[in-house]
Amino acid sequence: MLMRKQVWVFGMIERGTSKVIMFRVPEQDRTTPIPIIHNNDLPGTTIVTDEWAAYGGIQEVQAGYNHRFVNHKTVFVDPRN
C-alpha cells in the first residue's frame, strides 16, 4: 500500500455563479479558514458551513460575515439555504 502525506484543501463556492476556489492548506485547524475567508469574501457575505468546530472562528472575524450552519446529522443540505 502506498502511504502518502495527507493534503488538506479548503474550498468555497459562490452561489448563483457556481464559481469555485480552492486552497491547499498546511493545517486543518481553527486558524486556517479565517484569513482565506477574510481575503476572498466581502463583508456581509453569508457563509454556510457544517458544524466542524474549526468554523466557529468565522464568527470572530470582525468584517461582519453572516455565518449559518448545516447539521449533517439531521439534513445533508439545509433546505433554507
N, C-alpha and C. Protein backbone atom coordinates (compact mmCIF):
# COMPACT_ATOMS: atom_id res chain seq x y z
N MET A 1 0.84 -1.17 0.00
CA MET A 1 0.00 0.00 0.00
C MET A 1 0.89 1.24 0.00
N LEU A 2 0.57 2.18 -0.86
CA LEU A 2 1.32 3.43 -0.96
C LEU A 2 0.83 4.39 0.12
N MET A 3 1.73 4.83 0.96
CA MET A 3 1.37 5.78 2.02
C MET A 3 1.86 7.16 1.63
N ARG A 4 0.95 8.09 1.54
CA ARG A 4 1.29 9.47 1.19
C ARG A 4 0.91 10.40 2.32
N LYS A 5 1.61 11.50 2.39
CA LYS A 5 1.26 12.54 3.34
C LYS A 5 -0.10 13.11 2.93
N GLN A 6 -0.97 13.34 3.90
CA GLN A 6 -2.28 13.90 3.60
C GLN A 6 -2.16 15.34 3.13
N VAL A 7 -3.02 15.71 2.21
CA VAL A 7 -3.10 17.08 1.71
C VAL A 7 -4.47 17.62 2.09
N TRP A 8 -4.49 18.76 2.78
CA TRP A 8 -5.74 19.39 3.19
C TRP A 8 -6.11 20.48 2.20
N VAL A 9 -7.38 20.53 1.84
CA VAL A 9 -7.88 21.52 0.89
C VAL A 9 -9.08 22.24 1.51
N PHE A 10 -9.08 23.56 1.40
CA PHE A 10 -10.22 24.37 1.84
C PHE A 10 -10.80 25.00 0.59
N GLY A 11 -12.11 24.84 0.39
CA GLY A 11 -12.73 25.37 -0.82
C GLY A 11 -13.97 26.17 -0.52
N MET A 12 -14.32 27.02 -1.48
CA MET A 12 -15.53 27.83 -1.37
C MET A 12 -16.22 27.85 -2.72
N ILE A 13 -17.55 27.90 -2.69
CA ILE A 13 -18.33 28.02 -3.92
C ILE A 13 -19.27 29.21 -3.78
N GLU A 14 -19.37 29.98 -4.84
CA GLU A 14 -20.26 31.14 -4.84
C GLU A 14 -21.60 30.72 -5.42
N ARG A 15 -22.63 30.85 -4.61
CA ARG A 15 -23.97 30.50 -5.09
C ARG A 15 -24.39 31.48 -6.18
N GLY A 16 -25.10 30.99 -7.14
CA GLY A 16 -25.55 31.83 -8.24
C GLY A 16 -24.64 31.69 -9.45
N THR A 17 -23.33 31.86 -9.24
CA THR A 17 -22.38 31.74 -10.35
C THR A 17 -21.71 30.37 -10.38
N SER A 18 -21.74 29.66 -9.26
CA SER A 18 -21.05 28.37 -9.09
C SER A 18 -19.54 28.49 -9.24
N LYS A 19 -18.99 29.69 -9.07
CA LYS A 19 -17.54 29.89 -9.10
C LYS A 19 -16.94 29.17 -7.89
N VAL A 20 -15.89 28.40 -8.13
CA VAL A 20 -15.23 27.63 -7.08
C VAL A 20 -13.78 28.08 -6.96
N ILE A 21 -13.33 28.26 -5.72
CA ILE A 21 -11.91 28.49 -5.47
C ILE A 21 -11.48 27.52 -4.38
N MET A 22 -10.28 26.98 -4.54
CA MET A 22 -9.77 26.01 -3.59
C MET A 22 -8.34 26.38 -3.21
N PHE A 23 -7.99 26.06 -1.97
CA PHE A 23 -6.68 26.38 -1.44
C PHE A 23 -6.09 25.16 -0.76
N ARG A 24 -4.86 24.85 -1.08
CA ARG A 24 -4.13 23.82 -0.34
C ARG A 24 -3.67 24.47 0.96
N VAL A 25 -4.01 23.85 2.08
CA VAL A 25 -3.71 24.45 3.38
C VAL A 25 -2.79 23.54 4.19
N PRO A 26 -1.91 24.14 4.99
CA PRO A 26 -0.93 23.34 5.74
C PRO A 26 -1.52 22.62 6.94
N GLU A 27 -2.58 23.17 7.51
CA GLU A 27 -3.15 22.61 8.73
C GLU A 27 -4.67 22.53 8.62
N GLN A 28 -5.23 21.64 9.38
CA GLN A 28 -6.68 21.52 9.48
C GLN A 28 -7.06 21.97 10.89
N ASP A 29 -7.05 23.29 11.09
CA ASP A 29 -7.31 23.82 12.41
C ASP A 29 -8.16 25.09 12.33
N ARG A 30 -8.47 25.64 13.48
CA ARG A 30 -9.36 26.79 13.58
C ARG A 30 -8.82 28.05 12.92
N THR A 31 -7.50 28.21 12.86
CA THR A 31 -6.92 29.44 12.30
C THR A 31 -6.83 29.41 10.77
N THR A 32 -6.92 28.25 10.17
CA THR A 32 -6.72 28.13 8.72
C THR A 32 -7.78 28.83 7.87
N PRO A 33 -9.09 28.63 8.10
CA PRO A 33 -10.06 29.24 7.18
C PRO A 33 -10.22 30.75 7.32
N ILE A 34 -9.87 31.31 8.47
CA ILE A 34 -10.16 32.73 8.72
C ILE A 34 -9.47 33.67 7.72
N PRO A 35 -8.15 33.60 7.52
CA PRO A 35 -7.54 34.52 6.56
C PRO A 35 -7.99 34.27 5.12
N ILE A 36 -8.30 33.03 4.78
CA ILE A 36 -8.78 32.74 3.42
C ILE A 36 -10.13 33.41 3.20
N ILE A 37 -11.02 33.29 4.16
CA ILE A 37 -12.33 33.93 4.06
C ILE A 37 -12.18 35.44 4.03
N HIS A 38 -11.37 35.97 4.92
CA HIS A 38 -11.17 37.42 5.01
C HIS A 38 -10.62 38.00 3.70
N ASN A 39 -9.74 37.27 3.02
CA ASN A 39 -9.12 37.77 1.79
C ASN A 39 -9.94 37.52 0.53
N ASN A 40 -11.00 36.70 0.62
CA ASN A 40 -11.73 36.32 -0.59
C ASN A 40 -13.22 36.59 -0.55
N ASP A 41 -13.76 36.96 0.60
CA ASP A 41 -15.19 37.24 0.71
C ASP A 41 -15.41 38.67 1.18
N LEU A 42 -16.46 39.29 0.67
CA LEU A 42 -16.78 40.65 1.07
C LEU A 42 -17.52 40.67 2.40
N PRO A 43 -17.35 41.74 3.18
CA PRO A 43 -18.13 41.87 4.41
C PRO A 43 -19.62 41.78 4.08
N GLY A 44 -20.38 41.15 4.96
CA GLY A 44 -21.80 40.95 4.74
C GLY A 44 -22.13 39.66 4.03
N THR A 45 -21.11 38.95 3.54
CA THR A 45 -21.31 37.68 2.87
C THR A 45 -21.90 36.66 3.84
N THR A 46 -22.83 35.85 3.35
CA THR A 46 -23.36 34.75 4.15
C THR A 46 -22.51 33.52 3.88
N ILE A 47 -21.95 32.96 4.93
CA ILE A 47 -21.09 31.78 4.83
C ILE A 47 -21.84 30.62 5.47
N VAL A 48 -21.98 29.53 4.72
CA VAL A 48 -22.69 28.35 5.21
C VAL A 48 -21.68 27.21 5.32
N THR A 49 -21.55 26.65 6.52
CA THR A 49 -20.62 25.55 6.74
C THR A 49 -21.33 24.44 7.51
N ASP A 50 -20.63 23.32 7.65
CA ASP A 50 -21.15 22.32 8.58
C ASP A 50 -20.73 22.75 9.98
N GLU A 51 -20.92 21.90 10.96
CA GLU A 51 -20.68 22.29 12.35
C GLU A 51 -19.31 21.90 12.88
N TRP A 52 -18.35 21.68 11.98
CA TRP A 52 -16.99 21.37 12.40
C TRP A 52 -16.49 22.52 13.28
N ALA A 53 -15.90 22.21 14.42
CA ALA A 53 -15.52 23.21 15.42
C ALA A 53 -14.61 24.30 14.87
N ALA A 54 -13.77 23.98 13.91
CA ALA A 54 -12.84 24.99 13.37
C ALA A 54 -13.57 26.15 12.71
N TYR A 55 -14.78 25.92 12.22
CA TYR A 55 -15.53 27.00 11.58
C TYR A 55 -16.12 27.98 12.59
N GLY A 56 -16.08 27.65 13.86
CA GLY A 56 -16.59 28.56 14.88
C GLY A 56 -15.86 29.89 14.90
N GLY A 57 -14.61 29.91 14.46
CA GLY A 57 -13.83 31.14 14.44
C GLY A 57 -14.31 32.15 13.42
N ILE A 58 -15.14 31.72 12.47
CA ILE A 58 -15.66 32.64 11.46
C ILE A 58 -16.44 33.77 12.13
N GLN A 59 -17.15 33.47 13.18
CA GLN A 59 -17.93 34.48 13.88
C GLN A 59 -17.04 35.53 14.53
N GLU A 60 -15.78 35.20 14.75
CA GLU A 60 -14.86 36.12 15.39
C GLU A 60 -14.21 37.10 14.41
N VAL A 61 -14.39 36.86 13.12
CA VAL A 61 -13.83 37.78 12.12
C VAL A 61 -14.60 39.09 12.22
N GLN A 62 -13.89 40.19 12.29
CA GLN A 62 -14.53 41.48 12.53
C GLN A 62 -15.12 42.10 11.27
N ALA A 63 -15.04 41.43 10.14
CA ALA A 63 -15.53 42.01 8.89
C ALA A 63 -17.05 41.92 8.75
N GLY A 64 -17.72 41.25 9.67
CA GLY A 64 -19.17 41.22 9.65
C GLY A 64 -19.79 40.20 8.72
N TYR A 65 -19.33 38.97 8.76
CA TYR A 65 -19.92 37.91 7.95
C TYR A 65 -21.13 37.32 8.65
N ASN A 66 -22.09 36.83 7.87
CA ASN A 66 -23.22 36.08 8.41
C ASN A 66 -22.84 34.61 8.32
N HIS A 67 -22.85 33.91 9.43
CA HIS A 67 -22.43 32.51 9.44
C HIS A 67 -23.61 31.63 9.81
N ARG A 68 -23.95 30.72 8.91
CA ARG A 68 -25.03 29.76 9.14
C ARG A 68 -24.45 28.36 9.08
N PHE A 69 -25.09 27.45 9.80
CA PHE A 69 -24.60 26.08 9.91
C PHE A 69 -25.59 25.08 9.34
N VAL A 70 -25.05 23.98 8.83
CA VAL A 70 -25.85 22.83 8.42
C VAL A 70 -25.47 21.69 9.36
N ASN A 71 -26.47 21.07 9.97
CA ASN A 71 -26.24 19.93 10.85
C ASN A 71 -26.43 18.66 10.02
N HIS A 72 -25.34 18.00 9.67
CA HIS A 72 -25.42 16.82 8.81
C HIS A 72 -26.06 15.61 9.49
N LYS A 73 -26.27 15.67 10.79
CA LYS A 73 -26.96 14.58 11.47
C LYS A 73 -28.46 14.61 11.16
N THR A 74 -28.98 15.80 10.85
CA THR A 74 -30.41 15.90 10.57
C THR A 74 -30.71 16.12 9.09
N VAL A 75 -29.87 16.86 8.39
CA VAL A 75 -30.05 17.09 6.95
C VAL A 75 -28.69 17.16 6.29
N PHE A 76 -28.61 16.66 5.06
CA PHE A 76 -27.34 16.80 4.35
C PHE A 76 -27.21 18.20 3.78
N VAL A 77 -28.29 18.74 3.25
CA VAL A 77 -28.31 20.11 2.75
C VAL A 77 -29.45 20.83 3.45
N ASP A 78 -29.17 21.98 4.04
CA ASP A 78 -30.20 22.74 4.73
C ASP A 78 -31.12 23.36 3.68
N PRO A 79 -32.40 22.97 3.65
CA PRO A 79 -33.31 23.48 2.62
C PRO A 79 -33.57 24.98 2.71
N ARG A 80 -33.22 25.62 3.83
CA ARG A 80 -33.41 27.07 3.97
C ARG A 80 -32.31 27.86 3.27
N ASN A 81 -31.24 27.20 2.84
CA ASN A 81 -30.10 27.91 2.24
C ASN A 81 -30.16 27.85 0.74
